[in-house]
């Protein structure tokens, strides 16, 4: 891949956010609005986790991680709603919820 290690590359939560994004894409959400919302929220979760990893002060890190945590919840909820409405692959939901739950727990721990 590459030899450069940026701060977010060392953050396990960032890798989890990427897994969440992949799982949401695997859900194949057919409703355009929910698909856009789920993918944008998952991307935002990863981006805010990366931003938090690069911040210096504890307060700055916590703020970015708080936003990342919320975005992951939105991404999971959008996928869950799509599945409930019959607009996404139900088999993918377990992975989405699992990755979101793990990511949210990681962000919560990093905010302390």
N, C-alpha and C. Protein backbone atom coordinates (compact mmCIF):
# COMPACT_ATOMS: atom_id res chain seq x y z
N UNK A 1 0.83 -1.18 0.00
CA UNK A 1 0.00 0.00 0.00
C UNK A 1 0.88 1.25 0.00
N UNK A 2 1.33 1.70 1.17
CA UNK A 2 2.25 2.82 1.27
C UNK A 2 2.97 2.77 2.60
N UNK A 3 4.09 3.46 2.69
CA UNK A 3 4.89 3.43 3.91
C UNK A 3 4.61 4.61 4.84
N UNK A 4 3.84 5.57 4.39
CA UNK A 4 3.56 6.74 5.19
C UNK A 4 2.56 6.39 6.29
N UNK A 5 2.86 6.77 7.51
CA UNK A 5 1.96 6.54 8.63
C UNK A 5 1.52 7.90 9.19
N UNK A 6 0.30 8.27 8.85
CA UNK A 6 -0.28 9.48 9.40
C UNK A 6 -0.96 9.13 10.73
N UNK A 7 -1.28 10.13 11.53
CA UNK A 7 -1.87 9.83 12.85
C UNK A 7 -3.10 8.92 12.79
N UNK A 8 -3.96 9.11 11.82
CA UNK A 8 -5.17 8.28 11.76
C UNK A 8 -4.88 6.84 11.35
N UNK A 9 -3.75 6.59 10.73
CA UNK A 9 -3.40 5.21 10.36
C UNK A 9 -3.09 4.37 11.60
N UNK A 10 -2.71 5.02 12.68
CA UNK A 10 -2.42 4.32 13.93
C UNK A 10 -3.66 4.16 14.81
N UNK A 11 -4.77 4.75 14.39
CA UNK A 11 -6.01 4.72 15.17
C UNK A 11 -6.88 3.54 14.72
N UNK A 12 -7.04 2.57 15.60
CA UNK A 12 -7.85 1.39 15.26
C UNK A 12 -9.28 1.76 14.91
N UNK A 13 -9.78 2.81 15.53
CA UNK A 13 -11.14 3.26 15.26
C UNK A 13 -11.29 3.72 13.81
N UNK A 14 -10.26 4.29 13.24
CA UNK A 14 -10.33 4.72 11.83
C UNK A 14 -10.53 3.50 10.93
N UNK A 15 -9.79 2.44 11.19
CA UNK A 15 -9.95 1.21 10.42
C UNK A 15 -11.36 0.65 10.60
N UNK A 16 -11.92 0.76 11.80
CA UNK A 16 -13.29 0.30 12.04
C UNK A 16 -14.29 1.15 11.26
N UNK A 17 -14.04 2.44 11.16
CA UNK A 17 -14.92 3.32 10.40
C UNK A 17 -14.92 2.93 8.92
N UNK A 18 -13.77 2.54 8.41
CA UNK A 18 -13.70 2.08 7.01
C UNK A 18 -14.46 0.77 6.82
N UNK A 19 -14.41 -0.10 7.82
CA UNK A 19 -15.19 -1.34 7.76
C UNK A 19 -16.68 -1.02 7.77
N UNK A 20 -17.07 -0.04 8.56
CA UNK A 20 -18.47 0.39 8.60
C UNK A 20 -18.90 0.89 7.22
N UNK A 21 -18.08 1.70 6.60
CA UNK A 21 -18.39 2.21 5.26
C UNK A 21 -18.55 1.05 4.27
N UNK A 22 -17.63 0.11 4.31
CA UNK A 22 -17.71 -1.05 3.40
C UNK A 22 -18.98 -1.86 3.64
N UNK A 23 -19.35 -2.04 4.91
CA UNK A 23 -20.56 -2.81 5.24
C UNK A 23 -21.81 -2.10 4.75
N UNK A 24 -21.82 -0.79 4.87
CA UNK A 24 -22.97 -0.02 4.38
C UNK A 24 -23.08 -0.13 2.87
N UNK A 25 -21.96 -0.06 2.19
CA UNK A 25 -21.99 -0.23 0.73
C UNK A 25 -22.48 -1.63 0.36
N UNK A 26 -22.12 -2.64 1.16
CA UNK A 26 -22.55 -4.02 0.90
C UNK A 26 -24.05 -4.20 1.12
N UNK A 27 -24.67 -3.30 1.88
CA UNK A 27 -26.11 -3.39 2.12
C UNK A 27 -26.91 -3.04 0.86
N UNK A 28 -26.26 -2.42 -0.11
CA UNK A 28 -26.91 -2.07 -1.38
C UNK A 28 -28.26 -1.38 -1.16
N UNK A 29 -28.19 -0.26 -0.49
CA UNK A 29 -29.41 0.50 -0.20
C UNK A 29 -29.97 1.05 -1.51
N UNK A 30 -31.22 0.72 -1.77
CA UNK A 30 -31.85 1.12 -3.04
C UNK A 30 -32.52 2.49 -2.97
N UNK A 31 -32.93 2.90 -1.79
CA UNK A 31 -33.53 4.22 -1.63
C UNK A 31 -32.40 5.25 -1.73
N UNK A 32 -32.46 6.10 -2.74
CA UNK A 32 -31.37 7.04 -3.01
C UNK A 32 -31.10 7.97 -1.83
N UNK A 33 -32.14 8.46 -1.19
CA UNK A 33 -31.96 9.37 -0.06
C UNK A 33 -31.26 8.67 1.10
N UNK A 34 -31.75 7.49 1.47
CA UNK A 34 -31.14 6.77 2.59
C UNK A 34 -29.72 6.30 2.25
N UNK A 35 -29.50 5.88 1.01
CA UNK A 35 -28.16 5.47 0.60
C UNK A 35 -27.19 6.63 0.72
N UNK A 36 -27.59 7.79 0.20
CA UNK A 36 -26.73 8.98 0.26
C UNK A 36 -26.46 9.36 1.72
N UNK A 37 -27.49 9.32 2.53
CA UNK A 37 -27.33 9.70 3.93
C UNK A 37 -26.42 8.72 4.67
N UNK A 38 -26.62 7.43 4.46
CA UNK A 38 -25.81 6.42 5.14
C UNK A 38 -24.34 6.53 4.72
N UNK A 39 -24.10 6.67 3.44
CA UNK A 39 -22.71 6.74 2.96
C UNK A 39 -22.05 8.04 3.40
N UNK A 40 -22.76 9.16 3.29
CA UNK A 40 -22.18 10.43 3.73
C UNK A 40 -21.87 10.40 5.23
N UNK A 41 -22.77 9.83 6.02
CA UNK A 41 -22.53 9.76 7.47
C UNK A 41 -21.36 8.85 7.80
N UNK A 42 -21.24 7.74 7.11
CA UNK A 42 -20.10 6.83 7.34
C UNK A 42 -18.79 7.50 6.94
N UNK A 43 -18.79 8.20 5.83
CA UNK A 43 -17.59 8.93 5.42
C UNK A 43 -17.23 9.99 6.45
N UNK A 44 -18.24 10.69 6.95
CA UNK A 44 -18.00 11.72 7.95
C UNK A 44 -17.45 11.13 9.24
N UNK A 45 -17.94 9.96 9.63
CA UNK A 45 -17.42 9.30 10.82
C UNK A 45 -15.93 9.02 10.67
N UNK A 46 -15.55 8.50 9.51
CA UNK A 46 -14.13 8.20 9.26
C UNK A 46 -13.30 9.49 9.22
N UNK A 47 -13.82 10.49 8.55
CA UNK A 47 -13.08 11.76 8.44
C UNK A 47 -12.91 12.44 9.79
N UNK A 48 -13.95 12.43 10.61
CA UNK A 48 -13.84 13.06 11.92
C UNK A 48 -12.94 12.27 12.86
N UNK A 49 -12.93 10.94 12.72
CA UNK A 49 -11.98 10.14 13.51
C UNK A 49 -10.55 10.49 13.10
N UNK A 50 -10.33 10.64 11.80
CA UNK A 50 -8.99 11.02 11.32
C UNK A 50 -8.62 12.42 11.81
N UNK A 51 -9.59 13.32 11.77
CA UNK A 51 -9.32 14.68 12.26
C UNK A 51 -8.95 14.65 13.74
N UNK A 52 -9.69 13.89 14.53
CA UNK A 52 -9.41 13.80 15.96
C UNK A 52 -8.03 13.23 16.23
N UNK A 53 -7.63 12.26 15.43
CA UNK A 53 -6.30 11.66 15.61
C UNK A 53 -5.19 12.68 15.37
N UNK A 54 -5.46 13.63 14.50
CA UNK A 54 -4.45 14.64 14.19
C UNK A 54 -4.47 15.86 15.09
N UNK A 55 -5.49 15.98 15.90
CA UNK A 55 -5.59 17.13 16.81
C UNK A 55 -4.61 16.96 17.97
N UNK A 56 -4.26 18.07 18.61
CA UNK A 56 -3.26 18.03 19.67
C UNK A 56 -3.88 18.07 21.06
N UNK A 57 -4.78 19.00 21.30
CA UNK A 57 -5.32 19.12 22.65
C UNK A 57 -6.42 18.09 22.89
N UNK A 58 -6.57 17.73 24.13
CA UNK A 58 -7.58 16.74 24.51
C UNK A 58 -8.99 17.22 24.15
N UNK A 59 -9.27 18.49 24.35
CA UNK A 59 -10.59 19.05 24.04
C UNK A 59 -10.86 19.01 22.53
N UNK A 60 -9.87 19.34 21.73
CA UNK A 60 -10.04 19.29 20.27
C UNK A 60 -10.28 17.86 19.80
N UNK A 61 -9.51 16.93 20.35
CA UNK A 61 -9.70 15.52 20.00
C UNK A 61 -11.11 15.07 20.35
N UNK A 62 -11.54 15.39 21.58
CA UNK A 62 -12.85 14.97 22.05
C UNK A 62 -13.97 15.51 21.17
N UNK A 63 -13.86 16.75 20.73
CA UNK A 63 -14.89 17.35 19.87
C UNK A 63 -15.00 16.59 18.55
N UNK A 64 -13.88 16.30 17.92
CA UNK A 64 -13.90 15.57 16.64
C UNK A 64 -14.43 14.15 16.85
N UNK A 65 -14.04 13.50 17.93
CA UNK A 65 -14.51 12.14 18.20
C UNK A 65 -16.00 12.12 18.52
N UNK A 66 -16.50 13.19 19.16
CA UNK A 66 -17.93 13.28 19.46
C UNK A 66 -18.74 13.35 18.17
N UNK A 67 -18.29 14.14 17.23
CA UNK A 67 -18.97 14.24 15.93
C UNK A 67 -18.89 12.90 15.19
N UNK A 68 -17.73 12.27 15.21
CA UNK A 68 -17.56 10.97 14.55
C UNK A 68 -18.52 9.94 15.11
N UNK A 69 -18.65 9.92 16.43
CA UNK A 69 -19.55 8.98 17.09
C UNK A 69 -20.99 9.18 16.64
N UNK A 70 -21.43 10.43 16.58
CA UNK A 70 -22.80 10.73 16.15
C UNK A 70 -23.03 10.33 14.70
N UNK A 71 -22.06 10.59 13.86
CA UNK A 71 -22.19 10.25 12.43
C UNK A 71 -22.30 8.75 12.23
N UNK A 72 -21.57 7.98 13.01
CA UNK A 72 -21.65 6.52 12.89
C UNK A 72 -23.04 6.04 13.28
N UNK A 73 -23.62 6.65 14.30
CA UNK A 73 -24.97 6.29 14.69
C UNK A 73 -25.97 6.61 13.59
N UNK A 74 -25.80 7.75 12.93
CA UNK A 74 -26.68 8.10 11.82
C UNK A 74 -26.52 7.14 10.65
N UNK A 75 -25.30 6.77 10.36
CA UNK A 75 -25.04 5.84 9.26
C UNK A 75 -25.72 4.50 9.52
N UNK A 76 -25.59 4.01 10.74
CA UNK A 76 -26.22 2.74 11.10
C UNK A 76 -27.74 2.86 11.05
N UNK A 77 -28.28 3.95 11.57
CA UNK A 77 -29.73 4.13 11.58
C UNK A 77 -30.28 4.24 10.15
N UNK A 78 -29.59 4.92 9.28
CA UNK A 78 -30.04 5.04 7.89
C UNK A 78 -30.11 3.67 7.23
N UNK A 79 -29.12 2.85 7.50
CA UNK A 79 -29.11 1.50 6.93
C UNK A 79 -30.22 0.66 7.55
N UNK A 80 -30.38 0.77 8.85
CA UNK A 80 -31.41 0.01 9.54
C UNK A 80 -32.81 0.38 9.02
N UNK A 81 -33.05 1.65 8.81
CA UNK A 81 -34.33 2.11 8.28
C UNK A 81 -34.54 1.59 6.86
N UNK A 82 -33.47 1.61 6.06
CA UNK A 82 -33.58 1.09 4.69
C UNK A 82 -33.93 -0.39 4.69
N UNK A 83 -33.31 -1.15 5.57
CA UNK A 83 -33.62 -2.58 5.67
C UNK A 83 -35.06 -2.77 6.12
N UNK A 84 -35.47 -2.03 7.13
CA UNK A 84 -36.84 -2.15 7.66
C UNK A 84 -37.87 -1.82 6.58
N UNK A 85 -37.54 -0.87 5.70
CA UNK A 85 -38.45 -0.47 4.63
C UNK A 85 -38.38 -1.39 3.42
N UNK A 86 -37.49 -2.37 3.46
CA UNK A 86 -37.34 -3.29 2.34
C UNK A 86 -36.50 -2.74 1.21
N UNK A 87 -35.69 -1.73 1.52
CA UNK A 87 -34.89 -1.06 0.50
C UNK A 87 -33.40 -1.38 0.58
N UNK A 88 -33.04 -2.43 1.32
CA UNK A 88 -31.62 -2.80 1.43
C UNK A 88 -31.51 -4.27 1.79
N UNK A 89 -30.31 -4.81 1.63
CA UNK A 89 -30.04 -6.22 1.92
C UNK A 89 -30.03 -6.45 3.43
N UNK A 90 -31.00 -7.20 3.92
CA UNK A 90 -31.12 -7.45 5.35
C UNK A 90 -29.91 -8.20 5.91
N UNK A 91 -29.31 -9.04 5.10
CA UNK A 91 -28.17 -9.84 5.56
C UNK A 91 -26.96 -8.97 5.93
N UNK A 92 -26.89 -7.76 5.40
CA UNK A 92 -25.75 -6.88 5.67
C UNK A 92 -25.93 -6.08 6.97
N UNK A 93 -27.13 -6.06 7.49
CA UNK A 93 -27.41 -5.20 8.65
C UNK A 93 -26.61 -5.59 9.89
N UNK A 94 -26.45 -6.87 10.15
CA UNK A 94 -25.72 -7.30 11.34
C UNK A 94 -24.30 -6.74 11.35
N UNK A 95 -23.62 -6.80 10.22
CA UNK A 95 -22.26 -6.27 10.15
C UNK A 95 -22.25 -4.76 10.36
N UNK A 96 -23.20 -4.07 9.75
CA UNK A 96 -23.29 -2.61 9.91
C UNK A 96 -23.45 -2.25 11.37
N UNK A 97 -24.39 -2.90 12.04
CA UNK A 97 -24.64 -2.60 13.45
C UNK A 97 -23.45 -2.97 14.33
N UNK A 98 -22.80 -4.08 14.02
CA UNK A 98 -21.63 -4.51 14.79
C UNK A 98 -20.49 -3.51 14.66
N UNK A 99 -20.17 -3.12 13.42
CA UNK A 99 -19.07 -2.17 13.21
C UNK A 99 -19.41 -0.81 13.81
N UNK A 100 -20.66 -0.38 13.66
CA UNK A 100 -21.05 0.91 14.24
C UNK A 100 -20.94 0.86 15.76
N UNK A 101 -21.39 -0.22 16.36
CA UNK A 101 -21.31 -0.37 17.81
C UNK A 101 -19.86 -0.34 18.30
N UNK A 102 -19.00 -1.06 17.62
CA UNK A 102 -17.59 -1.07 18.00
C UNK A 102 -16.96 0.31 17.84
N UNK A 103 -17.27 0.97 16.73
CA UNK A 103 -16.72 2.30 16.47
C UNK A 103 -17.19 3.29 17.53
N UNK A 104 -18.47 3.27 17.84
CA UNK A 104 -19.02 4.19 18.83
C UNK A 104 -18.38 3.95 20.19
N UNK A 105 -18.16 2.70 20.56
CA UNK A 105 -17.48 2.40 21.81
C UNK A 105 -16.05 2.93 21.82
N UNK A 106 -15.36 2.79 20.69
CA UNK A 106 -13.99 3.30 20.59
C UNK A 106 -13.96 4.81 20.72
N UNK A 107 -14.89 5.49 20.05
CA UNK A 107 -14.93 6.95 20.11
C UNK A 107 -15.26 7.42 21.52
N UNK A 108 -16.17 6.73 22.19
CA UNK A 108 -16.55 7.08 23.55
C UNK A 108 -15.33 6.97 24.47
N UNK A 109 -14.57 5.90 24.33
CA UNK A 109 -13.37 5.71 25.15
C UNK A 109 -12.33 6.79 24.87
N UNK A 110 -12.20 7.17 23.61
CA UNK A 110 -11.19 8.18 23.25
C UNK A 110 -11.59 9.58 23.70
N UNK A 111 -12.87 9.79 23.94
CA UNK A 111 -13.33 11.11 24.39
C UNK A 111 -13.06 11.35 25.86
N UNK A 112 -12.79 10.31 26.61
CA UNK A 112 -12.59 10.46 28.06
C UNK A 112 -11.24 11.01 28.41
